Amino acid sequence: MPNEVECPQCQHTFDSGEVPPVDPGVVRWLTEELTWSGQEPTERMYSDYLYSAGDAPVSRHRFVQDLAYLGVPETRDADGTCFLTRK
């Protein structure tokens, strides 16, 4: 049975033996195309990523997972709206 690991910031779980490397397109989007800090709605950020990703975007789940790994966790407010938080 695989060991599941939970991110303490965003509560996403993943199999500790099968963590894929971060997608290069997500890294490019985060470092070259976006200069923001604070909280932004995940859906808006994912839409921006899809627009810039071209033919090979990753799923929303993978996008959020990769950003959490890179230090941009997803949080949820009391209304259930998801936000990405970048310091």
PDB file of N, CA and C in Angstrom:
ATOM      1  N   MET A   1       0.842  -1.177   0.000  1.00  0.00           N
ATOM      2  CA  MET A   1       0.000   0.000   0.000  1.00  0.00           C
ATOM      3  C   MET A   1       0.891   1.246   0.000  1.00  0.00           C
ATOM      4  N   PRO A   2       0.659   2.179  -0.925  1.00  0.00           N
ATOM      5  CA  PRO A   2       1.513   3.361  -1.004  1.00  0.00           C
ATOM      6  C   PRO A   2       1.290   4.283   0.186  1.00  0.00           C
ATOM      7  N   ASN A   3       2.330   5.035   0.525  1.00  0.00           N
ATOM      8  CA  ASN A   3       2.233   6.025   1.597  1.00  0.00           C
ATOM      9  C   ASN A   3       1.748   7.333   1.013  1.00  0.00           C
ATOM     10  N   GLU A   4       0.677   7.859   1.589  1.00  0.00           N
ATOM     11  CA  GLU A   4       0.187   9.152   1.139  1.00  0.00           C
ATOM     12  C   GLU A   4       0.756  10.239   2.030  1.00  0.00           C
ATOM     13  N   VAL A   5       1.132  11.336   1.398  1.00  0.00           N
ATOM     14  CA  VAL A   5       1.688  12.482   2.108  1.00  0.00           C
ATOM     15  C   VAL A   5       0.725  13.637   1.905  1.00  0.00           C
ATOM     16  N   GLU A   6       0.449  14.371   2.970  1.00  0.00           N
ATOM     17  CA  GLU A   6      -0.431  15.527   2.880  1.00  0.00           C
ATOM     18  C   GLU A   6       0.374  16.801   3.072  1.00  0.00           C
ATOM     19  N   CYS A   7       0.199  17.756   2.164  1.00  0.00           N
ATOM     20  CA  CYS A   7       0.859  19.047   2.286  1.00  0.00           C
ATOM     21  C   CYS A   7       0.243  19.786   3.467  1.00  0.00           C
ATOM     22  N   PRO A   8       1.044  20.257   4.424  1.00  0.00           N
ATOM     23  CA  PRO A   8       0.477  20.942   5.586  1.00  0.00           C
ATOM     24  C   PRO A   8      -0.156  22.292   5.257  1.00  0.00           C
ATOM     25  N   GLN A   9       0.193  22.881   4.122  1.00  0.00           N
ATOM     26  CA  GLN A   9      -0.350  24.188   3.767  1.00  0.00           C
ATOM     27  C   GLN A   9      -1.649  24.083   2.980  1.00  0.00           C
ATOM     28  N   CYS A  10      -1.717  23.159   2.020  1.00  0.00           N
ATOM     29  CA  CYS A  10      -2.888  23.121   1.141  1.00  0.00           C
ATOM     30  C   CYS A  10      -3.725  21.855   1.281  1.00  0.00           C
ATOM     31  N   GLN A  11      -3.283  20.890   2.062  1.00  0.00           N
ATOM     32  CA  GLN A  11      -3.971  19.634   2.330  1.00  0.00           C
ATOM     33  C   GLN A  11      -4.125  18.713   1.114  1.00  0.00           C
ATOM     34  N   HIS A  12      -3.402  18.989   0.024  1.00  0.00           N
ATOM     35  CA  HIS A  12      -3.402  18.035  -1.082  1.00  0.00           C
ATOM     36  C   HIS A  12      -2.642  16.795  -0.646  1.00  0.00           C
ATOM     37  N   THR A  13      -3.081  15.641  -1.089  1.00  0.00           N
ATOM     38  CA  THR A  13      -2.365  14.405  -0.783  1.00  0.00           C
ATOM     39  C   THR A  13      -1.768  13.844  -2.055  1.00  0.00           C
ATOM     40  N   PHE A  14      -0.649  13.180  -1.916  1.00  0.00           N
ATOM     41  CA  PHE A  14      -0.012  12.533  -3.049  1.00  0.00           C
ATOM     42  C   PHE A  14       0.761  11.325  -2.555  1.00  0.00           C
ATOM     43  N   ASP A  15       1.003  10.393  -3.447  1.00  0.00           N
ATOM     44  CA  ASP A  15       1.754   9.182  -3.127  1.00  0.00           C
ATOM     45  C   ASP A  15       3.221   9.549  -3.034  1.00  0.00           C
ATOM     46  N   SER A  16       3.820   9.309  -1.888  1.00  0.00           N
ATOM     47  CA  SER A  16       5.210   9.714  -1.673  1.00  0.00           C
ATOM     48  C   SER A  16       6.182   9.024  -2.614  1.00  0.00           C
ATOM     49  N   GLY A  17       5.811   7.880  -3.170  1.00  0.00           N
ATOM     50  CA  GLY A  17       6.695   7.178  -4.092  1.00  0.00           C
ATOM     51  C   GLY A  17       6.495   7.562  -5.539  1.00  0.00           C
ATOM     52  N   GLU A  18       5.477   8.368  -5.824  1.00  0.00           N
ATOM     53  CA  GLU A  18       5.158   8.694  -7.214  1.00  0.00           C
ATOM     54  C   GLU A  18       4.961  10.185  -7.438  1.00  0.00           C
ATOM     55  N   VAL A  19       5.744  11.003  -6.795  1.00  0.00           N
ATOM     56  CA  VAL A  19       5.629  12.447  -6.993  1.00  0.00           C
ATOM     57  C   VAL A  19       6.323  12.805  -8.303  1.00  0.00           C
ATOM     58  N   PRO A  20       5.575  13.271  -9.290  1.00  0.00           N
ATOM     59  CA  PRO A  20       6.203  13.620 -10.565  1.00  0.00           C
ATOM     60  C   PRO A  20       6.974  14.926 -10.447  1.00  0.00           C
ATOM     61  N   PRO A  21       7.948  15.137 -11.308  1.00  0.00           N
ATOM     62  CA  PRO A  21       8.643  16.423 -11.293  1.00  0.00           C
ATOM     63  C   PRO A  21       7.677  17.536 -11.679  1.00  0.00           C
ATOM     64  N   VAL A  22       7.989  18.729 -11.287  1.00  0.00           N
ATOM     65  CA  VAL A  22       7.144  19.881 -11.603  1.00  0.00           C
ATOM     66  C   VAL A  22       7.154  20.100 -13.109  1.00  0.00           C
ATOM     67  N   ASP A  23       5.978  20.374 -13.658  1.00  0.00           N
ATOM     68  CA  ASP A  23       5.852  20.599 -15.100  1.00  0.00           C
ATOM     69  C   ASP A  23       6.581  21.884 -15.494  1.00  0.00           C
ATOM     70  N   PRO A  24       7.436  21.840 -16.519  1.00  0.00           N
ATOM     71  CA  PRO A  24       8.180  23.037 -16.929  1.00  0.00           C
ATOM     72  C   PRO A  24       7.287  24.199 -17.355  1.00  0.00           C
ATOM     73  N   GLY A  25       6.115  23.887 -17.908  1.00  0.00           N
ATOM     74  CA  GLY A  25       5.196  24.951 -18.313  1.00  0.00           C
ATOM     75  C   GLY A  25       4.649  25.724 -17.129  1.00  0.00           C
ATOM     76  N   VAL A  26       4.421  25.036 -16.026  1.00  0.00           N
ATOM     77  CA  VAL A  26       3.945  25.699 -14.811  1.00  0.00           C
ATOM     78  C   VAL A  26       5.053  26.586 -14.252  1.00  0.00           C
ATOM     79  N   VAL A  27       6.276  26.093 -14.254  1.00  0.00           N
ATOM     80  CA  VAL A  27       7.409  26.889 -13.781  1.00  0.00           C
ATOM     81  C   VAL A  27       7.567  28.135 -14.643  1.00  0.00           C
ATOM     82  N   ARG A  28       7.498  27.980 -15.953  1.00  0.00           N
ATOM     83  CA  ARG A  28       7.621  29.123 -16.868  1.00  0.00           C
ATOM     84  C   ARG A  28       6.517  30.138 -16.596  1.00  0.00           C
ATOM     85  N   TRP A  29       5.289  29.663 -16.466  1.00  0.00           N
ATOM     86  CA  TRP A  29       4.169  30.562 -16.193  1.00  0.00           C
ATOM     87  C   TRP A  29       4.388  31.333 -14.899  1.00  0.00           C
ATOM     88  N   LEU A  30       4.835  30.648 -13.869  1.00  0.00           N
ATOM     89  CA  LEU A  30       5.017  31.273 -12.561  1.00  0.00           C
ATOM     90  C   LEU A  30       6.156  32.285 -12.567  1.00  0.00           C
ATOM     91  N   THR A  31       7.243  31.977 -13.237  1.00  0.00           N
ATOM     92  CA  THR A  31       8.423  32.836 -13.162  1.00  0.00           C
ATOM     93  C   THR A  31       8.498  33.903 -14.241  1.00  0.00           C
ATOM     94  N   GLU A  32       8.002  33.639 -15.430  1.00  0.00           N
ATOM     95  CA  GLU A  32       8.167  34.590 -16.527  1.00  0.00           C
ATOM     96  C   GLU A  32       6.934  35.411 -16.850  1.00  0.00           C
ATOM     97  N   GLU A  33       5.759  34.832 -16.658  1.00  0.00           N
ATOM     98  CA  GLU A  33       4.564  35.512 -17.143  1.00  0.00           C
ATOM     99  C   GLU A  33       3.723  36.135 -16.051  1.00  0.00           C
ATOM    100  N   LEU A  34       4.094  35.950 -14.821  1.00  0.00           N
ATOM    101  CA  LEU A  34       3.225  36.414 -13.760  1.00  0.00           C
ATOM    102  C   LEU A  34       4.034  37.061 -12.649  1.00  0.00           C
ATOM    103  N   THR A  35       3.705  38.281 -12.325  1.00  0.00           N
ATOM    104  CA  THR A  35       4.359  38.947 -11.201  1.00  0.00           C
ATOM    105  C   THR A  35       3.264  39.442 -10.282  1.00  0.00           C
ATOM    106  N   TRP A  36       2.895  38.630  -9.321  1.00  0.00           N
ATOM    107  CA  TRP A  36       1.861  38.983  -8.360  1.00  0.00           C
ATOM    108  C   TRP A  36       2.238  38.441  -6.997  1.00  0.00           C
ATOM    109  N   SER A  37       1.639  39.020  -5.986  1.00  0.00           N
ATOM    110  CA  SER A  37       1.789  38.509  -4.634  1.00  0.00           C
ATOM    111  C   SER A  37       0.441  38.665  -3.950  1.00  0.00           C
ATOM    112  N   GLY A  38       0.270  37.974  -2.848  1.00  0.00           N
ATOM    113  CA  GLY A  38      -1.007  37.985  -2.148  1.00  0.00           C
ATOM    114  C   GLY A  38      -1.879  36.830  -2.605  1.00  0.00           C
ATOM    115  N   GLN A  39      -3.193  37.021  -2.496  1.00  0.00           N
ATOM    116  CA  GLN A  39      -4.141  35.972  -2.879  1.00  0.00           C
ATOM    117  C   GLN A  39      -4.820  36.306  -4.195  1.00  0.00           C
ATOM    118  N   GLU A  40      -4.928  35.298  -5.037  1.00  0.00           N
ATOM    119  CA  GLU A  40      -5.655  35.419  -6.294  1.00  0.00           C
ATOM    120  C   GLU A  40      -6.523  34.173  -6.444  1.00  0.00           C
ATOM    121  N   PRO A  41      -7.718  34.290  -7.013  1.00  0.00           N
ATOM    122  CA  PRO A  41      -8.573  33.113  -7.198  1.00  0.00           C
ATOM    123  C   PRO A  41      -7.891  32.059  -8.077  1.00  0.00           C
ATOM    124  N   THR A  42      -7.938  30.816  -7.628  1.00  0.00           N
ATOM    125  CA  THR A  42      -7.299  29.723  -8.374  1.00  0.00           C
ATOM    126  C   THR A  42      -7.863  29.617  -9.782  1.00  0.00           C
ATOM    127  N   GLU A  43      -9.170  29.731  -9.923  1.00  0.00           N
ATOM    128  CA  GLU A  43      -9.784  29.576 -11.248  1.00  0.00           C
ATOM    129  C   GLU A  43      -9.272  30.628 -12.228  1.00  0.00           C
ATOM    130  N   ARG A  44      -9.094  31.846 -11.769  1.00  0.00           N
ATOM    131  CA  ARG A  44      -8.571  32.895 -12.655  1.00  0.00           C
ATOM    132  C   ARG A  44      -7.119  32.622 -13.028  1.00  0.00           C
ATOM    133  N   MET A  45      -6.321  32.202 -12.055  1.00  0.00           N
ATOM    134  CA  MET A  45      -4.917  31.907 -12.328  1.00  0.00           C
ATOM    135  C   MET A  45      -4.781  30.711 -13.261  1.00  0.00           C
ATOM    136  N   TYR A  46      -5.634  29.698 -13.070  1.00  0.00           N
ATOM    137  CA  TYR A  46      -5.578  28.526 -13.950  1.00  0.00           C
ATOM    138  C   TYR A  46      -5.994  28.910 -15.373  1.00  0.00           C
ATOM    139  N   SER A  47      -6.980  29.781 -15.497  1.00  0.00           N
ATOM    140  CA  SER A  47      -7.384  30.263 -16.833  1.00  0.00           C
ATOM    141  C   SER A  47      -6.239  31.005 -17.510  1.00  0.00           C
ATOM    142  N   ASP A  48      -5.539  31.848 -16.752  1.00  0.00           N
ATOM    143  CA  ASP A  48      -4.372  32.548 -17.310  1.00  0.00           C
ATOM    144  C   ASP A  48      -3.309  31.556 -17.759  1.00  0.00           C
ATOM    145  N   TYR A  49      -3.064  30.540 -16.932  1.00  0.00           N
ATOM    146  CA  TYR A  49      -2.086  29.501 -17.282  1.00  0.00           C
ATOM    147  C   TYR A  49      -2.506  28.790 -18.565  1.00  0.00           C
ATOM    148  N   LEU A  50      -3.784  28.384 -18.664  1.00  0.00           N
ATOM    149  CA  LEU A  50      -4.254  27.677 -19.866  1.00  0.00           C
ATOM    150  C   LEU A  50      -4.054  28.521 -21.113  1.00  0.00           C
ATOM    151  N   TYR A  51      -4.308  29.807 -21.010  1.00  0.00           N
ATOM    152  CA  TYR A  51      -4.136  30.708 -22.141  1.00  0.00           C
ATOM    153  C   TYR A  51      -2.682  30.733 -22.608  1.00  0.00           C
ATOM    154  N   SER A  52      -1.751  30.666 -21.656  1.00  0.00           N
ATOM    155  CA  SER A  52      -0.337  30.758 -22.007  1.00  0.00           C
ATOM    156  C   SER A  52       0.313  29.413 -22.295  1.00  0.00           C
ATOM    157  N   ALA A  53      -0.362  28.305 -21.952  1.00  0.00           N
ATOM    158  CA  ALA A  53       0.263  26.979 -22.030  1.00  0.00           C
ATOM    159  C   ALA A  53       0.347  26.415 -23.448  1.00  0.00           C
ATOM    160  N   GLY A  54      -0.450  26.909 -24.359  1.00  0.00           N
ATOM    161  CA  GLY A  54      -0.404  26.372 -25.713  1.00  0.00           C
ATOM    162  C   GLY A  54      -1.063  25.015 -25.814  1.00  0.00           C
ATOM    163  N   ASP A  55      -0.387  24.063 -26.468  1.00  0.00           N
ATOM    164  CA  ASP A  55      -0.975  22.774 -26.777  1.00  0.00           C
ATOM    165  C   ASP A  55      -0.880  21.726 -25.678  1.00  0.00           C
ATOM    166  N   ALA A  56      -0.067  21.960 -24.653  1.00  0.00           N
ATOM    167  CA  ALA A  56       0.152  20.895 -23.673  1.00  0.00           C
ATOM    168  C   ALA A  56      -0.034  21.367 -22.231  1.00  0.00           C
ATOM    169  N   PRO A  57      -1.233  21.861 -21.869  1.00  0.00           N
ATOM    170  CA  PRO A  57      -1.415  22.275 -20.479  1.00  0.00           C
ATOM    171  C   PRO A  57      -1.596  21.069 -19.560  1.00  0.00           C
ATOM    172  N   VAL A  58      -1.324  21.267 -18.288  1.00  0.00           N
ATOM    173  CA  VAL A  58      -1.573  20.216 -17.306  1.00  0.00           C
ATOM    174  C   VAL A  58      -2.971  20.431 -16.726  1.00  0.00           C
ATOM    175  N   SER A  59      -3.474  19.423 -16.040  1.00  0.00           N
ATOM    176  CA  SER A  59      -4.794  19.523 -15.423  1.00  0.00           C
ATOM    177  C   SER A  59      -4.766  20.546 -14.295  1.00  0.00           C
ATOM    178  N   ARG A  60      -5.940  20.978 -13.880  1.00  0.00           N
ATOM    179  CA  ARG A  60      -6.026  21.930 -12.772  1.00  0.00           C
ATOM    180  C   ARG A  60      -5.410  21.320 -11.513  1.00  0.00           C
ATOM    181  N   HIS A  61      -5.702  20.056 -11.262  1.00  0.00           N
ATOM    182  CA  HIS A  61      -5.153  19.373 -10.093  1.00  0.00           C
ATOM    183  C   HIS A  61      -3.625  19.390 -10.120  1.00  0.00           C
ATOM    184  N   ARG A  62      -3.049  19.057 -11.268  1.00  0.00           N
ATOM    185  CA  ARG A  62      -1.583  19.052 -11.399  1.00  0.00           C
ATOM    186  C   ARG A  62      -1.018  20.463 -11.257  1.00  0.00           C
ATOM    187  N   PHE A  63      -1.708  21.455 -11.826  1.00  0.00           N
ATOM    188  CA  PHE A  63      -1.308  22.850 -11.720  1.00  0.00           C
ATOM    189  C   PHE A  63      -1.213  23.263 -10.248  1.00  0.00           C
ATOM    190  N   VAL A  64      -2.240  22.954  -9.473  1.00  0.00           N
ATOM    191  CA  VAL A  64      -2.274  23.294  -8.049  1.00  0.00           C
ATOM    192  C   VAL A  64      -1.201  22.526  -7.291  1.00  0.00           C
ATOM    193  N   GLN A  65      -1.026  21.242  -7.616  1.00  0.00           N
ATOM    194  CA  GLN A  65       0.009  20.424  -6.968  1.00  0.00           C
ATOM    195  C   GLN A  65       1.393  20.997  -7.222  1.00  0.00           C
ATOM    196  N   ASP A  66       1.677  21.326  -8.461  1.00  0.00           N
ATOM    197  CA  ASP A  66       2.994  21.875  -8.812  1.00  0.00           C
ATOM    198  C   ASP A  66       3.235  23.209  -8.120  1.00  0.00           C
ATOM    199  N   LEU A  67       2.230  24.074  -8.092  1.00  0.00           N
ATOM    200  CA  LEU A  67       2.401  25.361  -7.428  1.00  0.00           C
ATOM    201  C   LEU A  67       2.615  25.187  -5.924  1.00  0.00           C
ATOM    202  N   ALA A  68       1.907  24.247  -5.308  1.00  0.00           N
ATOM    203  CA  ALA A  68       2.114  23.986  -3.872  1.00  0.00           C
ATOM    204  C   ALA A  68       3.551  23.546  -3.627  1.00  0.00           C
ATOM    205  N   TYR A  69       4.069  22.691  -4.501  1.00  0.00           N
ATOM    206  CA  TYR A  69       5.447  22.238  -4.376  1.00  0.00           C
ATOM    207  C   TYR A  69       6.419  23.406  -4.503  1.00  0.00           C
ATOM    208  N   LEU A  70       6.063  24.384  -5.336  1.00  0.00           N
ATOM    209  CA  LEU A  70       6.913  25.554  -5.566  1.00  0.00           C
ATOM    210  C   LEU A  70       6.696  26.660  -4.524  1.00  0.00           C
ATOM    211  N   GLY A  71       5.865  26.395  -3.527  1.00  0.00           N
ATOM    212  CA  GLY A  71       5.676  27.353  -2.453  1.00  0.00           C
ATOM    213  C   GLY A  71       4.502  28.290  -2.617  1.00  0.00           C
ATOM    214  N   VAL A  72       3.584  27.964  -3.531  1.00  0.00           N
ATOM    215  CA  VAL A  72       2.381  28.773  -3.729  1.00  0.00           C
ATOM    216  C   VAL A  72       1.184  27.876  -3.430  1.00  0.00           C
ATOM    217  N   PRO A  73       0.787  27.794  -2.147  1.00  0.00           N
ATOM    218  CA  PRO A  73      -0.290  26.885  -1.777  1.00  0.00           C
ATOM    219  C   PRO A  73      -1.668  27.406  -2.159  1.00  0.00           C
ATOM    220  N   GLU A  74      -2.586  26.471  -2.282  1.00  0.00           N
ATOM    221  CA  GLU A  74      -3.983  26.816  -2.497  1.00  0.00           C
ATOM    222  C   GLU A  74      -4.689  26.754  -1.143  1.00  0.00           C
ATOM    223  N   THR A  75      -5.486  27.775  -0.861  1.00  0.00           N
ATOM    224  CA  THR A  75      -6.283  27.806   0.353  1.00  0.00           C
ATOM    225  C   THR A  75      -7.738  28.009  -0.038  1.00  0.00           C
ATOM    226  N   ARG A  76      -8.613  27.732   0.908  1.00  0.00           N
ATOM    227  CA  ARG A  76     -10.050  27.860   0.661  1.00  0.00           C
ATOM    228  C   ARG A  76     -10.633  28.780   1.730  1.00  0.00           C
ATOM    229  N   ASP A  77     -11.465  29.740   1.312  1.00  0.00           N
ATOM    230  CA  ASP A  77     -12.076  30.623   2.294  1.00  0.00           C
ATOM    231  C   ASP A  77     -13.346  29.981   2.847  1.00  0.00           C
ATOM    232  N   ALA A  78     -14.019  30.688   3.730  1.00  0.00           N
ATOM    233  CA  ALA A  78     -15.220  30.155   4.383  1.00  0.00           C
ATOM    234  C   ALA A  78     -16.339  29.843   3.396  1.00  0.00           C
ATOM    235  N   ASP A  79     -16.366  30.534   2.267  1.00  0.00           N
ATOM    236  CA  ASP A  79     -17.388  30.294   1.236  1.00  0.00           C
ATOM    237  C   ASP A  79     -17.031  29.152   0.306  1.00  0.00           C
ATOM    238  N   GLY A  80     -15.828  28.584   0.452  1.00  0.00           N
ATOM    239  CA  GLY A  80     -15.392  27.482  -0.399  1.00  0.00           C
ATOM    240  C   GLY A  80     -14.647  27.918  -1.646  1.00  0.00           C
ATOM    241  N   THR A  81     -14.366  29.214  -1.784  1.00  0.00           N
ATOM    242  CA  THR A  81     -13.616  29.714  -2.937  1.00  0.00           C
ATOM    243  C   THR A  81     -12.137  29.412  -2.734  1.00  0.00           C
ATOM    244  N   CYS A  82     -11.485  28.899  -3.769  1.00  0.00           N
ATOM    245  CA  CYS A  82     -10.066  28.543  -3.701  1.00  0.00           C
ATOM    246  C   CYS A  82      -9.209  29.715  -4.161  1.00  0.00           C
ATOM    247  N   PHE A  83      -8.114  29.927  -3.428  1.00  0.00           N
ATOM    248  CA  PHE A  83      -7.165  30.992  -3.748  1.00  0.00           C
ATOM    249  C   PHE A  83      -5.754  30.438  -3.754  1.00  0.00           C
ATOM    250  N   LEU A  84      -4.914  30.993  -4.622  1.00  0.00           N
ATOM    251  CA  LEU A  84      -3.479  30.728  -4.587  1.00  0.00           C
ATOM    252  C   LEU A  84      -2.841  31.879  -3.831  1.00  0.00           C
ATOM    253  N   THR A  85      -1.943  31.552  -2.923  1.00  0.00           N
ATOM    254  CA  THR A  85      -1.326  32.573  -2.081  1.00  0.00           C
ATOM    255  C   THR A  85       0.178  32.595  -2.345  1.00  0.00           C
ATOM    256  N   ARG A  86       0.649  33.717  -2.843  1.00  0.00           N
ATOM    257  CA  ARG A  86       2.067  33.886  -3.158  1.00  0.00           C
ATOM    258  C   ARG A  86       2.635  35.026  -2.332  1.00  0.00           C
ATOM    259  N   LYS A  87       3.736  34.754  -1.678  1.00  0.00           N
ATOM    260  CA  LYS A  87       4.377  35.785  -0.837  1.00  0.00           C
ATOM    261  C   LYS A  87       5.446  36.518  -1.594  1.00  0.00           C
TER     262      LYS A  87
END
